[in-house]
Amino acid sequence: MVKLKRGCIALAHNGMAVLGALIAAVCIALAVNADLRATAEQHMLGWLLQRQESGPMTEEPAPEPGTVERVTALMPDQLPVQQAKVAHWLSRKYRVAAEPLSALVAEAFVVGERMRMDPTLILAVMAIESRFNPYAQSPVGAQGLMQVMTRVHSEKYESFGGHLAAFDPLTNLRVGVKVLHDCIQRAGSIEGGLKLYVGAVTTDGSDYIAKVMAEHLRIQSIALGRPMPTTFPVYSAAPAPALAEPESIHPTQTGLLLNEMSSDDAAALPSTAAGSPLSSS
């Protein structure tokens, strides 16, 4: 048994020596003979290509032709000058791509005209609420761009297909504007409406109101080509009335549009006016 074992070891050693000598001889032959080396390389390349072709292949997913139609985006140069200025400024400040922001800006102007609200106020609420993140969610369940309390306003999403539409940017914007508009109608002022919108209970909501109104004035200045304001009013929100008739609201508090006022009238508005005039064109 011992002799057999020693014989196997010796055979293995001899075999390795023979294999090593053979490999050395082949290497020397290839180094000396260029034609032989080229032939060997061709054979090796063919073998590798054959192995690659016979291996498993992965297919790339076929592109869907309608994909781009589902994207919420616009090129900024497709917008009117006012809106393009706003989109570029917001894109730089909040580090969001200009294309999706352009779609939001355009929608804010369309919805603002329909609801008779200043579009720059709508954009300011979005900026403060979510920083233009359509998937944002607060600890208490406010969702989307406008941070709408989906479970409270679920009926407003029914016509859009259900509560999951809260994460569609344009749907959330439309529903959020409707909620904000209702709050302003109830309170009788933009400031009071913002307090209702944010749901301030333990505070007077003045910090939130100040942030929104300051951003509102900045965005408005960009849109109208005015110098950027450096100081902002300090708000001390008074308790909002439970209900207010729509007729009692001053027109400037519901957001007049620029094309309904002369430029002189627009410039004469105080900087704290809630409904600063802007045009959608």
Protein backbone atom coordinates (compact mmCIF):
# COMPACT_ATOMS: atom_id res chain seq x y z
CA MET A 1 0.00 0.00 0.00
CA VAL A 2 2.84 2.37 0.86
CA LYS A 3 4.64 1.48 -2.36
CA LEU A 4 1.47 2.15 -4.38
CA LYS A 5 1.06 5.53 -2.74
CA ARG A 6 4.68 6.45 -3.43
CA GLY A 7 4.25 5.30 -7.04
CA CYS A 8 1.22 7.55 -7.54
CA ILE A 9 3.07 10.54 -6.11
CA ALA A 10 6.06 9.89 -8.36
CA LEU A 11 3.78 9.54 -11.38
CA ALA A 12 2.07 12.82 -10.56
CA HIS A 13 5.41 14.56 -10.20
CA ASN A 14 6.63 13.13 -13.47
CA GLY A 15 3.39 14.06 -15.20
CA MET A 16 3.63 17.66 -14.00
CA ALA A 17 7.23 17.81 -15.16
CA VAL A 18 6.26 16.49 -18.59
CA LEU A 19 3.35 18.97 -18.82
CA GLY A 20 5.60 21.85 -17.81
CA ALA A 21 8.18 20.85 -20.38
CA LEU A 22 5.48 20.62 -23.06
CA ILE A 23 4.12 24.09 -22.22
CA ALA A 24 7.63 25.52 -22.28
CA ALA A 25 8.25 23.94 -25.67
CA VAL A 26 5.02 25.36 -27.06
CA CYS A 27 5.84 28.83 -25.75
CA ILE A 28 9.29 28.70 -27.30
CA ALA A 29 7.85 27.53 -30.61
CA LEU A 30 5.29 30.31 -30.62
CA ALA A 31 7.90 32.91 -29.76
CA VAL A 32 10.21 31.75 -32.56
CA ASN A 33 7.61 31.10 -35.27
CA ALA A 34 5.41 34.15 -35.96
CA ASP A 35 3.11 32.26 -38.35
CA LEU A 36 2.50 29.54 -35.79
CA ARG A 37 1.75 32.17 -33.15
CA ALA A 38 -0.74 33.96 -35.42
CA THR A 39 -2.49 30.68 -36.18
CA ALA A 40 -2.74 29.86 -32.48
CA GLU A 41 -4.14 33.30 -31.73
CA GLN A 42 -6.77 32.90 -34.47
CA HIS A 43 -7.84 29.54 -33.06
CA MET A 44 -8.02 30.94 -29.53
CA LEU A 45 -10.05 33.97 -30.66
CA GLY A 46 -12.47 31.75 -32.56
CA TRP A 47 -12.91 29.54 -29.51
CA LEU A 48 -13.64 32.54 -27.28
CA LEU A 49 -16.17 33.98 -29.74
CA GLN A 50 -17.90 30.63 -30.00
CA ARG A 51 -18.11 30.39 -26.22
CA GLN A 52 -19.58 33.88 -26.03
CA GLU A 53 -22.23 33.21 -28.68
CA SER A 54 -23.29 29.97 -27.04
CA GLY A 55 -23.58 31.59 -23.59
CA PRO A 56 -26.83 32.89 -22.07
CA MET A 57 -28.11 36.07 -23.68
CA THR A 58 -30.10 38.78 -21.90
CA GLU A 59 -32.68 40.70 -23.85
CA GLU A 60 -33.11 44.42 -23.24
CA PRO A 61 -36.68 45.43 -22.35
CA ALA A 62 -38.57 46.78 -25.33
CA PRO A 63 -39.29 50.52 -24.96
CA GLU A 64 -42.92 51.48 -24.50
CA PRO A 65 -44.03 53.93 -27.20
CA GLY A 66 -46.31 55.83 -24.80
CA THR A 67 -43.80 56.31 -22.01
CA VAL A 68 -43.04 59.96 -22.75
CA GLU A 69 -46.75 60.77 -22.63
CA ARG A 70 -46.81 59.84 -18.93
CA VAL A 71 -43.98 62.20 -18.04
CA THR A 72 -44.96 65.45 -16.33
CA ALA A 73 -42.49 67.76 -18.05
CA LEU A 74 -42.26 70.68 -20.46
CA MET A 75 -39.35 72.45 -22.07
CA PRO A 76 -38.98 75.89 -20.42
CA ASP A 77 -38.68 77.63 -23.80
CA GLN A 78 -42.23 76.47 -24.56
CA LEU A 79 -43.58 78.69 -21.77
CA PRO A 80 -44.48 82.39 -21.90
CA VAL A 81 -41.65 84.65 -20.75
CA GLN A 82 -43.09 85.23 -17.26
CA GLN A 83 -43.54 81.54 -16.60
CA ALA A 84 -40.15 80.60 -18.04
CA LYS A 85 -38.43 83.07 -15.70
CA VAL A 86 -40.23 81.58 -12.73
CA ALA A 87 -39.43 78.00 -13.78
CA HIS A 88 -35.72 78.70 -14.20
CA TRP A 89 -35.50 80.55 -10.88
CA LEU A 90 -37.32 77.85 -8.94
CA SER A 91 -35.23 75.16 -10.64
CA ARG A 92 -32.01 76.78 -9.47
CA LYS A 93 -33.21 77.54 -5.95
CA TYR A 94 -34.77 74.16 -5.17
CA ARG A 95 -32.41 72.05 -7.30
CA VAL A 96 -35.22 70.48 -9.29
CA ALA A 97 -35.02 69.83 -13.04
CA ALA A 98 -36.41 72.73 -15.06
CA GLU A 99 -38.55 70.47 -17.30
CA PRO A 100 -40.91 69.04 -14.62
CA LEU A 101 -40.94 72.41 -12.86
CA SER A 102 -42.03 74.05 -16.11
CA ALA A 103 -45.05 71.74 -16.24
CA LEU A 104 -45.96 72.67 -12.66
CA VAL A 105 -45.54 76.38 -13.31
CA ALA A 106 -47.74 76.18 -16.41
CA GLU A 107 -50.41 74.26 -14.50
CA ALA A 108 -50.29 76.73 -11.61
CA PHE A 109 -51.02 79.59 -14.02
CA VAL A 110 -53.87 77.69 -15.67
CA VAL A 111 -55.47 76.62 -12.39
CA GLY A 112 -54.84 80.03 -10.85
CA GLU A 113 -56.73 81.75 -13.65
CA ARG A 114 -59.60 79.28 -13.38
CA MET A 115 -59.83 79.59 -9.57
CA ARG A 116 -59.06 83.34 -9.60
CA MET A 117 -55.97 82.89 -7.44
CA ASP A 118 -52.50 84.29 -7.90
CA PRO A 119 -50.38 81.51 -9.45
CA THR A 120 -47.28 82.70 -7.62
CA LEU A 121 -49.10 82.11 -4.34
CA ILE A 122 -49.85 78.55 -5.46
CA LEU A 123 -46.19 78.00 -6.33
CA ALA A 124 -45.12 79.52 -3.01
CA VAL A 125 -47.31 77.06 -1.09
CA MET A 126 -45.79 74.18 -3.05
CA ALA A 127 -42.29 75.47 -2.36
CA ILE A 128 -42.81 75.74 1.40
CA GLU A 129 -44.90 72.59 1.76
CA SER A 130 -42.83 70.08 -0.25
CA ARG A 131 -39.94 71.87 -2.00
CA PHE A 132 -41.54 70.52 -5.20
CA ASN A 133 -41.20 66.87 -4.17
CA PRO A 134 -44.34 65.11 -5.52
CA TYR A 135 -43.76 62.12 -3.21
CA ALA A 136 -43.31 64.04 0.04
CA GLN A 137 -45.27 62.89 3.08
CA SER A 138 -45.50 64.48 6.50
CA PRO A 139 -45.68 62.57 9.81
CA VAL A 140 -49.41 63.32 10.04
CA GLY A 141 -50.19 62.04 6.53
CA ALA A 142 -50.12 65.15 4.34
CA GLN A 143 -49.00 64.01 0.88
CA GLY A 144 -47.65 65.27 -2.41
CA LEU A 145 -46.70 68.67 -3.77
CA MET A 146 -49.33 70.63 -1.86
CA GLN A 147 -49.21 68.34 1.20
CA VAL A 148 -52.93 67.65 1.09
CA MET A 149 -54.33 65.51 3.91
CA THR A 150 -55.44 62.70 1.60
CA ARG A 151 -57.58 60.87 4.15
CA VAL A 152 -59.45 64.10 4.95
CA HIS A 153 -59.99 65.12 1.33
CA SER A 154 -60.30 61.67 -0.24
CA GLU A 155 -63.59 62.62 -1.95
CA LYS A 156 -61.73 65.29 -3.95
CA TYR A 157 -59.59 62.54 -5.52
CA GLU A 158 -62.53 60.37 -6.58
CA SER A 159 -62.87 62.04 -9.97
CA PHE A 160 -59.13 61.45 -10.54
CA GLY A 161 -59.34 57.71 -9.89
CA GLY A 162 -58.86 57.43 -6.13
CA HIS A 163 -56.56 58.48 -3.32
CA LEU A 164 -53.40 57.20 -5.02
CA ALA A 165 -53.76 60.11 -7.43
CA ALA A 166 -52.39 62.22 -4.57
CA PHE A 167 -48.93 61.28 -5.88
CA ASP A 168 -49.65 62.49 -9.39
CA PRO A 169 -48.12 65.99 -9.46
CA LEU A 170 -50.82 67.74 -11.48
CA THR A 171 -53.68 66.06 -9.64
CA ASN A 172 -52.21 66.94 -6.25
CA LEU A 173 -51.75 70.53 -7.42
CA ARG A 174 -55.37 70.81 -8.55
CA VAL A 175 -56.78 69.29 -5.37
CA GLY A 176 -54.45 71.37 -3.20
CA VAL A 177 -55.52 74.59 -4.91
CA LYS A 178 -59.18 73.66 -4.36
CA VAL A 179 -58.51 73.10 -0.64
CA LEU A 180 -56.56 76.37 -0.39
CA HIS A 181 -59.30 78.26 -2.23
CA ASP A 182 -61.93 76.90 0.17
CA CYS A 183 -59.78 77.92 3.14
CA ILE A 184 -59.41 81.47 1.81
CA GLN A 185 -63.16 81.69 1.19
CA ARG A 186 -63.86 80.60 4.76
CA ALA A 187 -61.28 82.87 6.37
CA GLY A 188 -61.89 85.95 4.26
CA SER A 189 -58.18 86.62 3.66
CA ILE A 190 -55.08 84.96 2.28
CA GLU A 191 -53.38 85.00 5.68
CA GLY A 192 -56.38 83.47 7.39
CA GLY A 193 -56.73 80.93 4.61
CA LEU A 194 -53.09 79.88 4.99
CA LYS A 195 -53.64 79.36 8.71
CA LEU A 196 -56.60 77.10 7.98
CA TYR A 197 -54.66 75.34 5.22
CA VAL A 198 -51.71 74.46 7.46
CA GLY A 199 -54.09 73.45 10.24
CA ALA A 200 -52.47 75.64 12.90
CA VAL A 201 -54.00 74.74 16.25
CA THR A 202 -51.36 75.18 18.94
CA THR A 203 -49.86 78.31 17.28
CA ASP A 204 -51.24 81.29 15.40
CA GLY A 205 -49.60 80.04 12.20
CA SER A 206 -47.65 83.28 11.74
CA ASP A 207 -44.34 81.51 11.01
CA TYR A 208 -45.90 79.47 8.22
CA ILE A 209 -47.76 82.49 6.84
CA ALA A 210 -44.56 84.56 6.84
CA LYS A 211 -42.64 81.86 4.96
CA VAL A 212 -45.31 81.42 2.30
CA MET A 213 -45.90 85.13 1.80
CA ALA A 214 -42.16 85.88 1.60
CA GLU A 215 -41.69 83.22 -1.05
CA HIS A 216 -44.81 84.50 -2.79
CA LEU A 217 -43.27 87.97 -3.04
CA ARG A 218 -39.99 86.55 -4.36
CA ILE A 219 -41.67 84.48 -7.08
CA GLN A 220 -43.95 87.37 -7.96
CA SER A 221 -40.95 89.68 -8.33
CA ILE A 222 -39.27 87.22 -10.69
CA ALA A 223 -42.39 86.91 -12.83
CA LEU A 224 -42.96 90.66 -13.05
CA GLY A 225 -39.30 91.53 -13.55
CA ARG A 226 -39.11 93.56 -10.35
CA PRO A 227 -36.12 93.79 -7.97
CA MET A 228 -36.01 90.97 -5.45
CA PRO A 229 -37.42 92.16 -2.09
CA THR A 230 -34.99 92.21 0.81
CA THR A 231 -37.43 92.80 3.66
CA PHE A 232 -40.75 91.15 4.37
CA PRO A 233 -43.73 91.97 6.61
CA VAL A 234 -44.04 90.25 9.96
CA TYR A 235 -47.42 88.56 10.22
CA SER A 236 -49.40 88.11 13.39
CA ALA A 237 -52.32 86.01 12.30
CA ALA A 238 -55.61 86.90 13.92
CA PRO A 239 -58.12 84.11 14.63
CA ALA A 240 -59.88 83.29 11.38
CA PRO A 241 -63.69 83.41 11.32
CA ALA A 242 -65.39 80.07 10.93
CA LEU A 243 -67.24 81.10 7.78
CA ALA A 244 -67.27 84.07 5.46
CA GLU A 245 -69.47 84.87 2.52
CA PRO A 246 -67.55 84.96 -0.79
CA GLU A 247 -69.01 88.41 -1.53
CA SER A 248 -67.25 89.91 1.48
CA ILE A 249 -63.79 89.11 0.12
CA HIS A 250 -61.94 92.01 -1.44
CA PRO A 251 -61.01 91.27 -5.10
CA THR A 252 -57.29 91.62 -4.47
CA GLN A 253 -57.53 88.86 -1.87
CA THR A 254 -58.63 86.29 -4.40
CA GLY A 255 -55.76 86.84 -6.83
CA LEU A 256 -56.58 89.08 -9.79
CA LEU A 257 -54.76 88.40 -13.01
CA LEU A 258 -52.55 90.95 -14.74
CA ASN A 259 -54.67 91.09 -17.85
CA GLU A 260 -57.61 92.34 -15.76
CA MET A 261 -55.70 95.35 -14.41
CA SER A 262 -53.55 98.05 -15.89
CA SER A 263 -49.82 98.00 -15.17
CA ASP A 264 -50.19 101.21 -13.12
CA ASP A 265 -52.90 99.63 -10.98
CA ALA A 266 -50.76 96.51 -10.54
CA ALA A 267 -47.72 98.49 -9.44
CA ALA A 268 -49.89 100.46 -7.00
CA LEU A 269 -50.89 97.37 -5.07
CA PRO A 270 -49.17 97.09 -1.65
CA SER A 271 -46.47 94.44 -1.44
CA THR A 272 -48.48 92.50 1.13
CA ALA A 273 -51.57 92.24 -1.07
CA ALA A 274 -52.64 88.64 -1.25
CA GLY A 275 -53.87 88.67 -4.82
CA SER A 276 -50.94 90.23 -6.64
CA PRO A 277 -51.73 90.41 -10.36
CA LEU A 278 -50.13 88.02 -12.77
CA SER A 279 -51.05 86.96 -16.26
CA SER A 280 -51.08 83.45 -17.62
CA SER A 281 -49.78 84.64 -20.96
